[in-house]
Protein backbone atom coordinates (compact mmCIF):
# COMPACT_ATOMS: atom_id res chain seq x y z
CA GLN A 1 65.71 -11.39 9.19
CA VAL A 2 63.63 -12.86 11.97
CA GLN A 3 60.87 -15.41 11.51
CA LEU A 4 58.14 -16.07 14.06
CA VAL A 5 55.93 -19.14 13.91
CA GLU A 6 52.88 -19.48 16.12
CA SER A 7 51.10 -22.69 17.01
CA GLY A 8 48.55 -23.97 19.47
CA GLY A 9 45.36 -22.36 18.24
CA GLY A 10 42.16 -24.26 17.67
CA LEU A 11 38.55 -24.72 18.64
CA VAL A 12 37.74 -24.89 22.34
CA GLN A 13 34.58 -24.76 24.39
CA PRO A 14 33.88 -21.83 26.73
CA GLY A 15 35.76 -22.32 29.97
CA GLY A 16 38.47 -24.32 28.26
CA SER A 17 42.18 -23.68 27.89
CA LEU A 18 44.75 -23.36 25.14
CA ARG A 19 48.45 -22.63 25.11
CA LEU A 20 49.89 -20.69 22.21
CA SER A 21 53.57 -20.90 21.33
CA CYS A 22 55.69 -18.54 19.26
CA VAL A 23 59.11 -19.76 18.15
CA ALA A 24 61.67 -17.38 16.71
CA SER A 25 64.38 -18.20 14.20
CA GLY A 26 66.81 -16.38 11.96
CA SER A 27 68.89 -13.42 13.06
CA ILE A 28 67.85 -13.56 16.68
CA SER A 29 69.45 -15.16 19.72
CA SER A 30 66.91 -14.08 22.30
CA PHE A 31 63.76 -12.04 22.57
CA ASN A 32 63.83 -8.46 23.73
CA SER A 33 60.27 -7.33 24.20
CA ALA A 34 57.68 -9.70 22.79
CA GLY A 35 54.02 -10.40 23.09
CA TRP A 36 50.70 -11.24 21.57
CA TYR A 37 48.07 -9.23 19.75
CA ARG A 38 44.72 -10.48 18.57
CA GLN A 39 42.26 -9.39 15.94
CA ALA A 40 38.65 -10.41 15.65
CA PRO A 41 36.69 -9.88 12.41
CA GLY A 42 35.65 -6.26 12.01
CA LYS A 43 37.66 -5.13 15.02
CA PRO A 44 41.04 -3.44 15.37
CA ARG A 45 44.08 -5.41 16.45
CA GLU A 46 44.52 -5.22 20.22
CA LEU A 47 47.42 -5.96 22.51
CA VAL A 48 46.70 -9.00 24.66
CA ALA A 49 49.91 -9.43 26.62
CA SER A 50 53.55 -8.42 26.49
CA ILE A 51 56.76 -9.41 28.23
CA THR A 52 60.02 -7.53 28.47
CA ARG A 53 63.57 -8.84 28.36
CA GLY A 54 63.49 -8.74 32.15
CA SER A 55 60.23 -10.73 32.16
CA ASN A 56 58.02 -7.86 33.26
CA THR A 57 54.54 -8.55 31.97
CA ASN A 58 51.56 -6.48 30.93
CA TYR A 59 48.01 -7.62 30.13
CA ALA A 60 44.88 -6.22 28.59
CA ASP A 61 42.22 -5.72 31.24
CA SER A 62 39.97 -8.19 29.45
CA VAL A 63 42.39 -11.08 29.98
CA LYS A 64 43.93 -10.30 33.38
CA GLY A 65 43.68 -13.27 35.69
CA ARG A 66 42.96 -15.64 32.82
CA PHE A 67 45.96 -15.40 30.49
CA THR A 68 49.63 -15.78 31.34
CA ILE A 69 52.54 -14.84 29.10
CA SER A 70 55.92 -16.44 29.61
CA ARG A 71 59.18 -16.95 27.76
CA ASP A 72 61.82 -19.63 27.35
CA ASN A 73 65.05 -17.90 26.41
CA ALA A 74 66.87 -21.14 25.62
CA ARG A 75 64.22 -22.07 23.06
CA ILE A 76 63.60 -18.46 21.93
CA THR A 77 59.93 -19.11 22.50
CA VAL A 78 57.11 -17.06 23.97
CA TYR A 79 53.98 -18.70 25.31
CA LEU A 80 50.47 -17.53 26.03
CA GLN A 81 48.55 -19.74 28.42
CA MET A 82 44.86 -18.99 28.05
CA ASN A 83 42.44 -20.28 30.67
CA SER A 84 38.73 -19.75 31.26
CA LEU A 85 38.28 -18.88 27.61
CA LYS A 86 35.22 -16.92 26.55
CA PRO A 87 33.53 -16.58 23.15
CA GLU A 88 34.78 -12.99 23.01
CA ASP A 89 38.35 -14.33 23.02
CA THR A 90 37.73 -15.66 19.51
CA ALA A 91 40.27 -14.04 17.20
CA ALA A 92 43.43 -14.54 15.23
CA TYR A 93 46.37 -14.28 17.61
CA TYR A 94 49.68 -12.85 16.42
CA CYS A 95 52.97 -12.85 18.23
CA TYR A 96 55.52 -10.11 17.74
CA THR A 97 58.97 -9.15 18.85
CA ARG A 98 60.92 -5.91 18.62
CA LEU A 99 64.58 -6.03 17.68
CA LEU A 100 66.82 -3.13 16.69
CA ALA A 101 63.87 -0.76 16.22
CA LEU A 102 62.06 -3.23 13.96
CA THR A 103 58.90 -5.17 14.76
CA TYR A 104 58.51 -8.70 13.47
CA TRP A 105 55.21 -10.55 13.27
CA GLY A 106 54.13 -14.14 13.04
CA GLN A 107 51.54 -15.35 10.57
CA GLY A 108 48.85 -15.76 13.21
CA THR A 109 46.98 -18.65 14.73
CA GLN A 110 43.20 -18.84 15.00
CA VAL A 111 41.50 -19.30 18.35
CA THR A 112 37.78 -20.06 18.29
CA VAL A 113 35.82 -20.35 21.52
CA SER A 114 32.42 -21.87 20.90
CA SER A 115 30.11 -24.55 22.19
């Protein structure tokens, strides 16, 4: 089993920044592919950013140039640096990783962008 725990969410004003962290534990020694989804009330879950084992990254068009995904293999942690936040970024953010054809999810962390 693999457990993922996110942290770093909160309330921030428009234009502000947050950094989300996702730490893995359990039957995992390093991430393969991993990333972040988000889900706002009444909307489907959408992929925000992903990173491969080789650190290739992919971003949703809505966050390109503002968000940066990175990984720390030694800490088995994936980060999402979010800058220039907008009210439309408000959502619950979930990290995931894929391992041996299974997808594991964290419990989510809430990000609210409001003045």
